[in-house]
Amino acid sequence: MRLRDAAAEVERVAGGRSRVLAVAADVSRPDGVQQVIDRTVQAFGHLDILVNNVGLAGGGGLLETSDEQWQEAFDQTLMPAVRTSRLAVPHMQRRGGGAIVIVASIFGREAGGRMTYNAVKAAEISFAKSLAQQLAPFNIRVNSVSPGSILFEGGSWWRRQQADPVGIAEFVHRELPFGRFGTPEEVGNVVAFLCSARASWISGTSIVVDGCQSRAF
């Protein structure tokens, strides 16, 4: 249902069903990633842009977090980015270039949140930098985007806000200088820019989209 709703919204913005393809797949598995890439190329004939925006990390402190939870964090977050990039790059090479964006987090740049989340998001930022250097000779740009706390219906911050509105209001007052959460559109605008020709000389960097929430320089 959520995928159908998302596809319908994208169709409305894109101006037609022929410009949208929705694929249900488990991208934590190699066959799921293969399915997404193959169906995209079959539908549109080529692949120019890849946005990796998958993330999951459970567990807690060191003593409470099992090996399985650590492994799941990497399988659900870093490995989909590695596998999709590996499959997408040959298509971009044939097109003479392309753009890859990995959606990481401010907590890949500084401490905060779950330990497993810090680790996998830092790994994504590092991976994007290394990949950018490797792929520059092929005119393929790679960047990461590091959002701060973003609010949308059904998301983790939304659920926390529903459960504890007073506590979340205090968090916003204490941690978010603009006095509000960010929106998906504000992150999406930066991703769209990085994928466009206007960002032709931007590669190998991580752009923070957090309304001055983070403390890192």
N, C-alpha and C. Protein backbone atom coordinates (compact mmCIF):
# COMPACT_ATOMS: atom_id res chain seq x y z
N MET A 1 0.82 -1.20 0.00
CA MET A 1 0.00 0.00 0.00
C MET A 1 0.87 1.27 0.00
N ARG A 2 1.89 1.30 0.87
CA ARG A 2 2.74 2.49 0.94
C ARG A 2 3.50 2.69 -0.37
N LEU A 3 3.94 1.59 -1.00
CA LEU A 3 4.64 1.70 -2.27
C LEU A 3 3.71 2.22 -3.36
N ARG A 4 2.48 1.72 -3.38
CA ARG A 4 1.51 2.19 -4.38
C ARG A 4 1.21 3.67 -4.19
N ASP A 5 1.06 4.08 -2.93
CA ASP A 5 0.78 5.49 -2.66
C ASP A 5 1.95 6.37 -3.09
N ALA A 6 3.16 5.90 -2.79
CA ALA A 6 4.35 6.67 -3.19
C ALA A 6 4.45 6.76 -4.70
N ALA A 7 4.19 5.65 -5.39
CA ALA A 7 4.25 5.65 -6.85
C ALA A 7 3.23 6.61 -7.44
N ALA A 8 2.02 6.63 -6.87
CA ALA A 8 0.98 7.52 -7.36
C ALA A 8 1.38 8.99 -7.17
N GLU A 9 2.01 9.29 -6.04
CA GLU A 9 2.45 10.67 -5.80
C GLU A 9 3.55 11.07 -6.77
N VAL A 10 4.50 10.17 -7.01
CA VAL A 10 5.58 10.47 -7.96
C VAL A 10 5.01 10.63 -9.37
N GLU A 11 4.06 9.77 -9.73
CA GLU A 11 3.42 9.89 -11.05
C GLU A 11 2.77 11.26 -11.21
N ARG A 12 2.12 11.72 -10.16
CA ARG A 12 1.47 13.03 -10.23
C ARG A 12 2.47 14.14 -10.48
N VAL A 13 3.60 14.07 -9.76
CA VAL A 13 4.63 15.11 -9.91
C VAL A 13 5.35 14.97 -11.25
N ALA A 14 5.61 13.72 -11.66
CA ALA A 14 6.37 13.48 -12.90
C ALA A 14 5.54 13.73 -14.15
N GLY A 15 4.22 13.70 -14.00
CA GLY A 15 3.37 13.99 -15.15
C GLY A 15 3.05 12.79 -16.00
N GLY A 16 3.07 11.61 -15.43
CA GLY A 16 2.68 10.45 -16.23
C GLY A 16 3.22 9.15 -15.68
N ARG A 17 2.45 8.07 -15.84
CA ARG A 17 2.85 6.77 -15.33
C ARG A 17 4.06 6.21 -16.08
N SER A 18 4.24 6.59 -17.34
CA SER A 18 5.33 6.04 -18.14
C SER A 18 6.71 6.45 -17.62
N ARG A 19 6.75 7.46 -16.75
CA ARG A 19 8.02 7.95 -16.22
C ARG A 19 8.34 7.39 -14.84
N VAL A 20 7.49 6.47 -14.34
CA VAL A 20 7.65 5.96 -12.98
C VAL A 20 7.61 4.44 -12.99
N LEU A 21 8.52 3.83 -12.23
CA LEU A 21 8.53 2.39 -12.05
C LEU A 21 8.68 2.10 -10.56
N ALA A 22 7.75 1.36 -10.00
CA ALA A 22 7.83 0.95 -8.60
C ALA A 22 8.14 -0.53 -8.54
N VAL A 23 9.19 -0.87 -7.80
CA VAL A 23 9.63 -2.27 -7.68
C VAL A 23 9.67 -2.64 -6.21
N ALA A 24 8.98 -3.70 -5.84
CA ALA A 24 9.02 -4.22 -4.47
C ALA A 24 10.13 -5.26 -4.40
N ALA A 25 11.15 -4.99 -3.60
CA ALA A 25 12.29 -5.90 -3.51
C ALA A 25 12.99 -5.72 -2.18
N ASP A 26 13.62 -6.77 -1.70
CA ASP A 26 14.42 -6.72 -0.48
C ASP A 26 15.86 -6.38 -0.86
N VAL A 27 16.23 -5.10 -0.72
CA VAL A 27 17.55 -4.67 -1.18
C VAL A 27 18.66 -5.01 -0.19
N SER A 28 18.31 -5.68 0.91
CA SER A 28 19.37 -6.19 1.78
C SER A 28 19.95 -7.49 1.22
N ARG A 29 19.32 -8.01 0.17
CA ARG A 29 19.77 -9.25 -0.47
C ARG A 29 20.27 -8.96 -1.88
N PRO A 30 21.31 -9.65 -2.32
CA PRO A 30 21.84 -9.41 -3.67
C PRO A 30 20.80 -9.57 -4.77
N ASP A 31 19.91 -10.57 -4.66
CA ASP A 31 18.92 -10.77 -5.72
C ASP A 31 17.91 -9.63 -5.76
N GLY A 32 17.60 -9.03 -4.60
CA GLY A 32 16.70 -7.89 -4.59
C GLY A 32 17.30 -6.68 -5.28
N VAL A 33 18.57 -6.42 -5.02
CA VAL A 33 19.27 -5.31 -5.68
C VAL A 33 19.31 -5.55 -7.18
N GLN A 34 19.64 -6.77 -7.58
CA GLN A 34 19.71 -7.12 -9.01
C GLN A 34 18.37 -6.86 -9.69
N GLN A 35 17.28 -7.21 -9.00
CA GLN A 35 15.94 -7.02 -9.54
C GLN A 35 15.65 -5.54 -9.80
N VAL A 36 16.00 -4.69 -8.84
CA VAL A 36 15.75 -3.25 -9.00
C VAL A 36 16.52 -2.68 -10.19
N ILE A 37 17.79 -3.02 -10.29
CA ILE A 37 18.62 -2.48 -11.39
C ILE A 37 18.13 -3.02 -12.73
N ASP A 38 17.90 -4.32 -12.81
CA ASP A 38 17.48 -4.93 -14.08
C ASP A 38 16.16 -4.35 -14.57
N ARG A 39 15.19 -4.23 -13.68
CA ARG A 39 13.88 -3.73 -14.10
C ARG A 39 13.94 -2.25 -14.49
N THR A 40 14.82 -1.51 -13.84
CA THR A 40 14.99 -0.10 -14.21
C THR A 40 15.53 0.02 -15.63
N VAL A 41 16.55 -0.74 -15.93
CA VAL A 41 17.15 -0.67 -17.27
C VAL A 41 16.18 -1.21 -18.32
N GLN A 42 15.45 -2.24 -17.99
CA GLN A 42 14.46 -2.77 -18.93
C GLN A 42 13.38 -1.73 -19.24
N ALA A 43 12.97 -1.01 -18.21
CA ALA A 43 11.87 -0.06 -18.38
C ALA A 43 12.31 1.21 -19.12
N PHE A 44 13.51 1.70 -18.82
CA PHE A 44 13.93 3.00 -19.35
C PHE A 44 15.08 2.93 -20.34
N GLY A 45 15.69 1.77 -20.47
CA GLY A 45 16.74 1.60 -21.47
C GLY A 45 18.13 1.98 -21.01
N HIS A 46 18.24 2.66 -19.91
CA HIS A 46 19.56 3.08 -19.42
C HIS A 46 19.42 3.50 -17.96
N LEU A 47 20.55 3.85 -17.36
CA LEU A 47 20.57 4.27 -15.96
C LEU A 47 21.62 5.37 -15.81
N ASP A 48 21.18 6.53 -15.36
CA ASP A 48 22.06 7.70 -15.24
C ASP A 48 22.30 8.13 -13.80
N ILE A 49 21.35 7.86 -12.91
CA ILE A 49 21.38 8.37 -11.54
C ILE A 49 21.03 7.25 -10.58
N LEU A 50 21.77 7.17 -9.49
CA LEU A 50 21.48 6.21 -8.43
C LEU A 50 21.46 6.95 -7.10
N VAL A 51 20.37 6.83 -6.37
CA VAL A 51 20.27 7.40 -5.02
C VAL A 51 20.09 6.24 -4.04
N ASN A 52 21.06 6.04 -3.18
CA ASN A 52 20.98 5.00 -2.15
C ASN A 52 20.41 5.61 -0.88
N ASN A 53 19.21 5.18 -0.51
CA ASN A 53 18.52 5.77 0.64
C ASN A 53 17.85 4.67 1.45
N VAL A 54 18.66 3.79 1.99
CA VAL A 54 18.16 2.68 2.81
C VAL A 54 18.95 2.67 4.10
N GLY A 55 18.27 2.47 5.22
CA GLY A 55 19.01 2.44 6.48
C GLY A 55 18.23 1.78 7.60
N LEU A 56 18.92 0.96 8.35
CA LEU A 56 18.34 0.33 9.53
C LEU A 56 19.47 -0.03 10.47
N ALA A 57 19.30 0.26 11.74
CA ALA A 57 20.32 -0.10 12.72
C ALA A 57 19.67 -0.25 14.08
N GLY A 58 19.77 -1.44 14.65
CA GLY A 58 19.17 -1.69 15.96
C GLY A 58 20.23 -1.79 17.03
N GLY A 59 19.86 -2.43 18.12
CA GLY A 59 20.80 -2.60 19.21
C GLY A 59 20.84 -1.41 20.14
N GLY A 60 21.78 -1.46 21.07
CA GLY A 60 21.94 -0.38 22.04
C GLY A 60 23.40 -0.17 22.35
N GLY A 61 23.77 -0.36 23.62
CA GLY A 61 25.16 -0.23 24.00
C GLY A 61 25.97 -1.46 23.59
N LEU A 62 27.25 -1.41 23.85
CA LEU A 62 28.14 -2.49 23.43
C LEU A 62 27.71 -3.84 23.98
N LEU A 63 27.41 -3.91 25.26
CA LEU A 63 27.11 -5.18 25.89
C LEU A 63 25.73 -5.72 25.50
N GLU A 64 24.84 -4.83 25.09
CA GLU A 64 23.49 -5.26 24.74
C GLU A 64 23.31 -5.57 23.25
N THR A 65 24.31 -5.28 22.43
CA THR A 65 24.17 -5.42 20.99
C THR A 65 24.86 -6.70 20.51
N SER A 66 24.08 -7.57 19.90
CA SER A 66 24.61 -8.87 19.47
C SER A 66 25.34 -8.77 18.13
N ASP A 67 26.10 -9.80 17.81
CA ASP A 67 26.74 -9.88 16.50
C ASP A 67 25.70 -9.81 15.39
N GLU A 68 24.56 -10.45 15.61
CA GLU A 68 23.51 -10.47 14.59
C GLU A 68 22.98 -9.06 14.32
N GLN A 69 22.84 -8.25 15.36
CA GLN A 69 22.38 -6.88 15.17
C GLN A 69 23.41 -6.03 14.46
N TRP A 70 24.67 -6.24 14.78
CA TRP A 70 25.73 -5.55 14.04
C TRP A 70 25.70 -5.93 12.56
N GLN A 71 25.59 -7.23 12.31
CA GLN A 71 25.58 -7.69 10.93
C GLN A 71 24.37 -7.17 10.17
N GLU A 72 23.22 -7.15 10.84
CA GLU A 72 22.00 -6.65 10.20
C GLU A 72 22.16 -5.18 9.82
N ALA A 73 22.78 -4.39 10.69
CA ALA A 73 22.97 -2.97 10.40
C ALA A 73 23.77 -2.78 9.11
N PHE A 74 24.82 -3.55 8.93
CA PHE A 74 25.62 -3.42 7.71
C PHE A 74 24.89 -4.01 6.51
N ASP A 75 24.18 -5.12 6.70
CA ASP A 75 23.44 -5.73 5.60
C ASP A 75 22.31 -4.84 5.10
N GLN A 76 21.68 -4.10 6.02
CA GLN A 76 20.53 -3.28 5.66
C GLN A 76 20.92 -1.87 5.20
N THR A 77 22.13 -1.44 5.47
CA THR A 77 22.49 -0.04 5.21
C THR A 77 23.67 0.10 4.24
N LEU A 78 24.83 -0.43 4.59
CA LEU A 78 26.00 -0.26 3.73
C LEU A 78 25.96 -1.16 2.50
N MET A 79 25.66 -2.42 2.67
CA MET A 79 25.75 -3.36 1.56
C MET A 79 24.79 -3.06 0.41
N PRO A 80 23.56 -2.58 0.66
CA PRO A 80 22.74 -2.18 -0.48
C PRO A 80 23.41 -1.09 -1.33
N ALA A 81 24.08 -0.14 -0.68
CA ALA A 81 24.77 0.92 -1.42
C ALA A 81 25.93 0.35 -2.23
N VAL A 82 26.66 -0.58 -1.64
CA VAL A 82 27.78 -1.22 -2.34
C VAL A 82 27.27 -1.99 -3.55
N ARG A 83 26.24 -2.80 -3.34
CA ARG A 83 25.76 -3.68 -4.42
C ARG A 83 25.08 -2.92 -5.54
N THR A 84 24.24 -1.93 -5.20
CA THR A 84 23.59 -1.17 -6.25
C THR A 84 24.61 -0.38 -7.06
N SER A 85 25.60 0.18 -6.39
CA SER A 85 26.64 0.93 -7.10
C SER A 85 27.41 0.02 -8.05
N ARG A 86 27.76 -1.17 -7.56
CA ARG A 86 28.51 -2.12 -8.40
C ARG A 86 27.74 -2.46 -9.68
N LEU A 87 26.42 -2.60 -9.55
CA LEU A 87 25.61 -2.96 -10.71
C LEU A 87 25.30 -1.76 -11.60
N ALA A 88 25.18 -0.58 -11.00
CA ALA A 88 24.80 0.61 -11.77
C ALA A 88 25.96 1.21 -12.55
N VAL A 89 27.16 1.12 -12.01
CA VAL A 89 28.31 1.80 -12.63
C VAL A 89 28.55 1.37 -14.08
N PRO A 90 28.51 0.10 -14.44
CA PRO A 90 28.72 -0.26 -15.85
C PRO A 90 27.72 0.42 -16.80
N HIS A 91 26.47 0.56 -16.36
CA HIS A 91 25.48 1.26 -17.19
C HIS A 91 25.85 2.73 -17.34
N MET A 92 26.32 3.35 -16.28
CA MET A 92 26.74 4.75 -16.35
C MET A 92 27.96 4.91 -17.24
N GLN A 93 28.89 3.98 -17.15
CA GLN A 93 30.07 4.04 -17.99
C GLN A 93 29.69 4.01 -19.47
N ARG A 94 28.72 3.18 -19.82
CA ARG A 94 28.29 3.11 -21.22
C ARG A 94 27.63 4.40 -21.67
N ARG A 95 27.04 5.13 -20.72
CA ARG A 95 26.39 6.40 -21.04
C ARG A 95 27.36 7.58 -21.04
N GLY A 96 28.59 7.33 -20.59
CA GLY A 96 29.59 8.39 -20.55
C GLY A 96 29.57 9.21 -19.28
N GLY A 97 28.88 8.74 -18.24
CA GLY A 97 28.86 9.46 -16.98
C GLY A 97 27.60 9.18 -16.20
N GLY A 98 27.54 9.77 -15.02
CA GLY A 98 26.37 9.58 -14.17
C GLY A 98 26.59 10.22 -12.81
N ALA A 99 25.64 10.01 -11.92
CA ALA A 99 25.73 10.57 -10.58
C ALA A 99 25.18 9.57 -9.57
N ILE A 100 25.90 9.41 -8.47
CA ILE A 100 25.48 8.56 -7.37
C ILE A 100 25.41 9.41 -6.11
N VAL A 101 24.32 9.29 -5.38
CA VAL A 101 24.17 9.98 -4.10
C VAL A 101 23.81 8.94 -3.04
N ILE A 102 24.53 8.98 -1.93
CA ILE A 102 24.25 8.10 -0.80
C ILE A 102 23.72 8.95 0.34
N VAL A 103 22.53 8.62 0.82
CA VAL A 103 21.94 9.37 1.93
C VAL A 103 22.45 8.78 3.23
N ALA A 104 23.31 9.53 3.90
CA ALA A 104 23.93 9.09 5.15
C ALA A 104 23.23 9.79 6.31
N SER A 105 23.98 10.44 7.19
CA SER A 105 23.40 11.11 8.35
C SER A 105 24.46 11.97 9.01
N ILE A 106 24.02 12.99 9.75
CA ILE A 106 24.99 13.75 10.55
C ILE A 106 25.65 12.84 11.57
N PHE A 107 24.98 11.74 11.94
CA PHE A 107 25.56 10.83 12.91
C PHE A 107 26.51 9.83 12.28
N GLY A 108 26.83 10.04 11.00
CA GLY A 108 27.98 9.39 10.40
C GLY A 108 29.20 10.29 10.47
N ARG A 109 28.99 11.54 10.94
CA ARG A 109 30.07 12.53 11.03
C ARG A 109 30.44 12.87 12.48
N GLU A 110 29.53 12.55 13.40
CA GLU A 110 29.77 12.84 14.81
C GLU A 110 28.95 11.86 15.64
N ALA A 111 29.23 11.80 16.93
CA ALA A 111 28.53 10.86 17.80
C ALA A 111 27.08 11.28 18.00
N GLY A 112 26.22 10.27 18.13
CA GLY A 112 24.80 10.52 18.37
C GLY A 112 23.99 9.34 17.87
N GLY A 113 22.88 9.06 18.53
CA GLY A 113 22.06 7.94 18.10
C GLY A 113 22.68 6.61 18.49
N ARG A 114 22.18 5.54 17.90
CA ARG A 114 22.69 4.21 18.21
C ARG A 114 24.11 4.02 17.70
N MET A 115 24.87 3.22 18.41
CA MET A 115 26.24 2.93 18.03
C MET A 115 26.32 2.28 16.65
N THR A 116 25.42 1.34 16.39
CA THR A 116 25.44 0.67 15.08
C THR A 116 25.12 1.67 13.97
N TYR A 117 24.21 2.60 14.22
CA TYR A 117 23.84 3.60 13.23
C TYR A 117 25.01 4.51 12.93
N ASN A 118 25.71 4.95 13.96
CA ASN A 118 26.93 5.76 13.76
C ASN A 118 27.90 5.04 12.83
N ALA A 119 28.11 3.76 13.11
CA ALA A 119 29.12 3.01 12.37
C ALA A 119 28.75 2.84 10.90
N VAL A 120 27.50 2.48 10.62
CA VAL A 120 27.14 2.23 9.22
C VAL A 120 27.03 3.53 8.43
N LYS A 121 26.60 4.59 9.07
CA LYS A 121 26.50 5.87 8.35
C LYS A 121 27.89 6.45 8.10
N ALA A 122 28.82 6.28 9.04
CA ALA A 122 30.20 6.69 8.79
C ALA A 122 30.79 5.88 7.64
N ALA A 123 30.46 4.60 7.61
CA ALA A 123 30.95 3.74 6.53
C ALA A 123 30.40 4.20 5.18
N GLU A 124 29.15 4.63 5.13
CA GLU A 124 28.58 5.12 3.88
C GLU A 124 29.30 6.37 3.39
N ILE A 125 29.60 7.29 4.30
CA ILE A 125 30.31 8.51 3.91
C ILE A 125 31.70 8.18 3.39
N SER A 126 32.39 7.28 4.07
CA SER A 126 33.71 6.85 3.63
C SER A 126 33.64 6.16 2.27
N PHE A 127 32.66 5.29 2.09
CA PHE A 127 32.48 4.58 0.83
C PHE A 127 32.24 5.56 -0.31
N ALA A 128 31.40 6.57 -0.09
CA ALA A 128 31.11 7.56 -1.13
C ALA A 128 32.36 8.31 -1.55
N LYS A 129 33.20 8.67 -0.58
CA LYS A 129 34.44 9.38 -0.89
C LYS A 129 35.37 8.51 -1.73
N SER A 130 35.57 7.27 -1.31
CA SER A 130 36.45 6.37 -2.05
C SER A 130 35.92 6.11 -3.46
N LEU A 131 34.61 5.93 -3.56
CA LEU A 131 34.00 5.66 -4.85
C LEU A 131 34.14 6.86 -5.78
N ALA A 132 34.00 8.05 -5.23
CA ALA A 132 34.13 9.26 -6.05
C ALA A 132 35.51 9.34 -6.70
N GLN A 133 36.54 9.02 -5.93
CA GLN A 133 37.89 9.06 -6.47
C GLN A 133 38.10 8.00 -7.55
N GLN A 134 37.52 6.82 -7.34
CA GLN A 134 37.65 5.75 -8.33
C GLN A 134 36.94 6.07 -9.64
N LEU A 135 35.78 6.71 -9.54
CA LEU A 135 34.91 6.85 -10.71
C LEU A 135 35.04 8.18 -11.45
N ALA A 136 35.81 9.11 -10.91
CA ALA A 136 35.99 10.40 -11.59
C ALA A 136 36.49 10.25 -13.03
N PRO A 137 37.43 9.33 -13.33
CA PRO A 137 37.88 9.18 -14.73
C PRO A 137 36.76 8.77 -15.69
N PHE A 138 35.67 8.24 -15.16
CA PHE A 138 34.55 7.83 -16.01
C PHE A 138 33.44 8.88 -16.03
N ASN A 139 33.73 10.06 -15.48
CA ASN A 139 32.75 11.15 -15.43
C ASN A 139 31.52 10.77 -14.60
N ILE A 140 31.75 9.98 -13.57
CA ILE A 140 30.69 9.62 -12.64
C ILE A 140 30.97 10.31 -11.31
N ARG A 141 30.04 11.15 -10.88
CA ARG A 141 30.20 11.88 -9.63
C ARG A 141 29.51 11.11 -8.49
N VAL A 142 30.14 11.13 -7.32
CA VAL A 142 29.58 10.45 -6.15
C VAL A 142 29.65 11.39 -4.95
N ASN A 143 28.54 11.57 -4.28
CA ASN A 143 28.48 12.39 -3.07
C ASN A 143 27.59 11.70 -2.04
N SER A 144 27.74 12.11 -0.80
CA SER A 144 26.79 11.70 0.22
C SER A 144 26.09 12.93 0.77
N VAL A 145 24.89 12.71 1.27
CA VAL A 145 24.11 13.76 1.92
C VAL A 145 23.89 13.33 3.36
N SER A 146 24.12 14.24 4.29
CA SER A 146 24.00 13.93 5.71
C SER A 146 22.88 14.75 6.35
N PRO A 147 21.67 14.21 6.36
CA PRO A 147 20.56 14.93 6.99
C PRO A 147 20.66 14.89 8.51
N GLY A 148 20.00 15.86 9.12
CA GLY A 148 19.80 15.83 10.56
C GLY A 148 18.46 15.18 10.87
N SER A 149 17.75 15.69 11.87
CA SER A 149 16.47 15.12 12.28
C SER A 149 15.37 15.60 11.33
N ILE A 150 14.77 14.65 10.62
CA ILE A 150 13.77 14.94 9.61
C ILE A 150 12.43 14.34 10.05
N LEU A 151 11.38 15.13 9.96
CA LEU A 151 10.06 14.69 10.40
C LEU A 151 9.17 14.40 9.21
N PHE A 152 8.57 13.21 9.18
CA PHE A 152 7.56 12.87 8.19
C PHE A 152 6.65 11.81 8.79
N GLU A 153 5.42 11.79 8.34
CA GLU A 153 4.44 10.87 8.91
C GLU A 153 4.89 9.42 8.74
N GLY A 154 4.87 8.69 9.84
CA GLY A 154 5.29 7.30 9.82
C GLY A 154 6.74 7.08 10.14
N GLY A 155 7.55 8.16 10.12
CA GLY A 155 8.98 8.05 10.40
C GLY A 155 9.25 7.95 11.89
N SER A 156 10.51 7.72 12.23
CA SER A 156 10.86 7.50 13.64
C SER A 156 10.61 8.75 14.49
N TRP A 157 10.93 9.93 13.98
CA TRP A 157 10.69 11.14 14.76
C TRP A 157 9.20 11.38 14.92
N TRP A 158 8.43 11.08 13.90
CA TRP A 158 6.97 11.23 13.97
C TRP A 158 6.40 10.31 15.05
N ARG A 159 6.88 9.06 15.08
CA ARG A 159 6.39 8.11 16.08
C ARG A 159 6.75 8.57 17.49
N ARG A 160 7.96 9.08 17.65
CA ARG A 160 8.36 9.59 18.96
C ARG A 160 7.53 10.81 19.36
N GLN A 161 7.22 11.63 18.40
CA GLN A 161 6.41 12.82 18.68
C GLN A 161 5.00 12.44 19.11
N GLN A 162 4.44 11.41 18.49
CA GLN A 162 3.11 10.94 18.87
C GLN A 162 3.13 10.37 20.29
N ALA A 163 4.21 9.65 20.60
CA ALA A 163 4.29 8.99 21.91
C ALA A 163 4.63 9.96 23.04
N ASP A 164 5.42 11.00 22.74
CA ASP A 164 5.90 11.90 23.80
C ASP A 164 6.00 13.32 23.25
N PRO A 165 4.87 13.98 23.01
CA PRO A 165 4.92 15.32 22.41
C PRO A 165 5.68 16.34 23.25
N VAL A 166 5.58 16.25 24.56
CA VAL A 166 6.28 17.20 25.42
C VAL A 166 7.78 16.99 25.34
N GLY A 167 8.20 15.73 25.42
CA GLY A 167 9.63 15.44 25.34
C GLY A 167 10.24 15.84 24.01
N ILE A 168 9.50 15.61 22.93
CA ILE A 168 10.02 15.97 21.61
C ILE A 168 10.04 17.49 21.45
N ALA A 169 9.07 18.18 21.99
CA ALA A 169 9.09 19.65 21.94
C ALA A 169 10.32 20.18 22.67
N GLU A 170 10.67 19.57 23.79
CA GLU A 170 11.88 19.96 24.52
C GLU A 170 13.13 19.66 23.69
N PHE A 171 13.14 18.52 23.00
CA PHE A 171 14.27 18.18 22.13
C PHE A 171 14.44 19.24 21.03
N VAL A 172 13.33 19.61 20.40
CA VAL A 172 13.39 20.61 19.33
C VAL A 172 13.95 21.92 19.86
N HIS A 173 13.46 22.35 21.02
CA HIS A 173 13.93 23.61 21.61
C HIS A 173 15.42 23.55 21.94
N ARG A 174 15.87 22.38 22.40
CA ARG A 174 17.25 22.23 22.86
C ARG A 174 18.23 21.98 21.72
N GLU A 175 17.82 21.21 20.71
CA GLU A 175 18.77 20.68 19.73
C GLU A 175 18.65 21.28 18.33
N LEU A 176 17.52 21.88 17.99
CA LEU A 176 17.30 22.35 16.62
C LEU A 176 17.22 23.87 16.60
N PRO A 177 18.27 24.55 16.18
CA PRO A 177 18.34 26.00 16.28
C PRO A 177 17.21 26.75 15.58
N PHE A 178 16.66 26.18 14.49
CA PHE A 178 15.57 26.87 13.80
C PHE A 178 14.22 26.61 14.44
N GLY A 179 14.21 25.78 15.48
CA GLY A 179 12.97 25.55 16.21
C GLY A 179 12.00 24.60 15.54
N ARG A 180 12.49 23.80 14.61
CA ARG A 180 11.62 22.84 13.92
C ARG A 180 12.45 21.71 13.35
N PHE A 181 11.77 20.62 12.98
CA PHE A 181 12.42 19.54 12.25
C PHE A 181 12.60 19.94 10.79
N GLY A 182 13.52 19.24 10.13
CA GLY A 182 13.63 19.37 8.69
C GLY A 182 12.55 18.56 8.00
N THR A 183 12.40 18.76 6.70
CA THR A 183 11.39 18.05 5.91
C THR A 183 12.07 17.19 4.85
N PRO A 184 11.39 16.12 4.40
CA PRO A 184 11.96 15.31 3.31
C PRO A 184 12.24 16.13 2.06
N GLU A 185 11.38 17.12 1.79
CA GLU A 185 11.57 17.94 0.60
C GLU A 185 12.89 18.72 0.66
N GLU A 186 13.27 19.16 1.86
CA GLU A 186 14.51 19.93 2.00
C GLU A 186 15.72 19.05 1.74
N VAL A 187 15.63 17.79 2.10
CA VAL A 187 16.71 16.85 1.76
C VAL A 187 16.66 16.52 0.28
N GLY A 188 15.45 16.27 -0.23
CA GLY A 188 15.29 15.91 -1.64
C GLY A 188 15.79 16.99 -2.58
N ASN A 189 15.62 18.25 -2.21
CA ASN A 189 16.10 19.34 -3.06
C ASN A 189 17.62 19.28 -3.24
N VAL A 190 18.31 18.94 -2.16
CA VAL A 190 19.78 18.84 -2.24
C VAL A 190 20.19 17.64 -3.07
N VAL A 191 19.50 16.52 -2.88
CA VAL A 191 19.79 15.32 -3.68
C VAL A 191 19.57 15.61 -5.16
N ALA A 192 18.46 16.26 -5.50
CA ALA A 192 18.17 16.60 -6.89
C ALA A 192 19.26 17.50 -7.48
N PHE A 193 19.70 18.47 -6.70
CA PHE A 193 20.79 19.36 -7.16
C PHE A 193 22.05 18.56 -7.44
N LEU A 194 22.43 17.67 -6.54
CA LEU A 194 23.66 16.90 -6.71
C LEU A 194 23.59 15.98 -7.93
N CYS A 195 22.40 15.57 -8.29
CA CYS A 195 22.24 14.69 -9.46
C CYS A 195 22.17 15.48 -10.76
N SER A 196 22.07 16.79 -10.67
CA SER A 196 21.88 17.62 -11.86
C SER A 196 23.20 18.13 -12.41
N ALA A 197 23.14 18.66 -13.62
CA ALA A 197 24.32 19.23 -14.27
C ALA A 197 24.83 20.47 -13.53
N ARG A 198 23.98 21.10 -12.74
CA ARG A 198 24.42 22.28 -11.98
C ARG A 198 25.47 21.93 -10.93
N ALA A 199 25.56 20.65 -10.57
CA ALA A 199 26.56 20.20 -9.59
C ALA A 199 27.72 19.50 -10.28
N SER A 200 28.05 19.92 -11.48
CA SER A 200 29.03 19.21 -12.30
C SER A 200 30.44 19.15 -11.70
N TRP A 201 30.76 20.04 -10.77
CA TRP A 201 32.11 20.07 -10.18
C TRP A 201 32.06 19.72 -8.69
N ILE A 202 31.02 19.01 -8.30
CA ILE A 202 30.89 18.57 -6.91
C ILE A 202 30.93 17.06 -6.88
N SER A 203 31.97 16.52 -6.28
CA SER A 203 32.09 15.07 -6.15
C SER A 203 33.00 14.76 -4.97
N GLY A 204 32.69 13.70 -4.27
CA GLY A 204 33.53 13.26 -3.16
C GLY A 204 33.32 14.00 -1.86
N THR A 205 32.18 14.67 -1.73
CA THR A 205 31.93 15.42 -0.50
C THR A 205 30.65 14.93 0.17
N SER A 206 30.47 15.33 1.42
CA SER A 206 29.23 15.04 2.14
C SER A 206 28.58 16.36 2.51
N ILE A 207 27.38 16.58 2.00
CA ILE A 207 26.69 17.83 2.24
C ILE A 207 25.71 17.65 3.40
N VAL A 208 25.86 18.49 4.41
CA VAL A 208 25.02 18.41 5.60
C VAL A 208 23.74 19.20 5.37
N VAL A 209 22.61 18.57 5.66
CA VAL A 209 21.30 19.22 5.54
C VAL A 209 20.59 19.07 6.87
N ASP A 210 20.86 19.97 7.80
CA ASP A 210 20.41 19.74 9.17
C ASP A 210 19.97 21.00 9.91
N GLY A 211 19.86 22.13 9.23
CA GLY A 211 19.44 23.33 9.93
C GLY A 211 20.33 23.69 11.11
N CYS A 212 21.63 23.43 10.97
CA CYS A 212 22.64 23.78 11.98
C CYS A 212 22.50 22.92 13.26
N GLN A 213 21.96 21.72 13.12
CA GLN A 213 21.80 20.85 14.28
C GLN A 213 23.12 20.26 14.75
N SER A 214 23.98 19.86 13.81
CA SER A 214 25.19 19.13 14.18
C SER A 214 26.24 20.07 14.75
N ARG A 215 27.19 19.48 15.45
CA ARG A 215 28.27 20.25 16.07
C ARG A 215 29.59 20.17 15.31
N ALA A 216 29.70 19.26 14.37
CA ALA A 216 30.96 19.06 13.65
C ALA A 216 31.27 20.26 12.77
N PHE A 217 32.56 20.54 12.60
CA PHE A 217 32.97 21.60 11.68
C PHE A 217 32.76 21.15 10.25
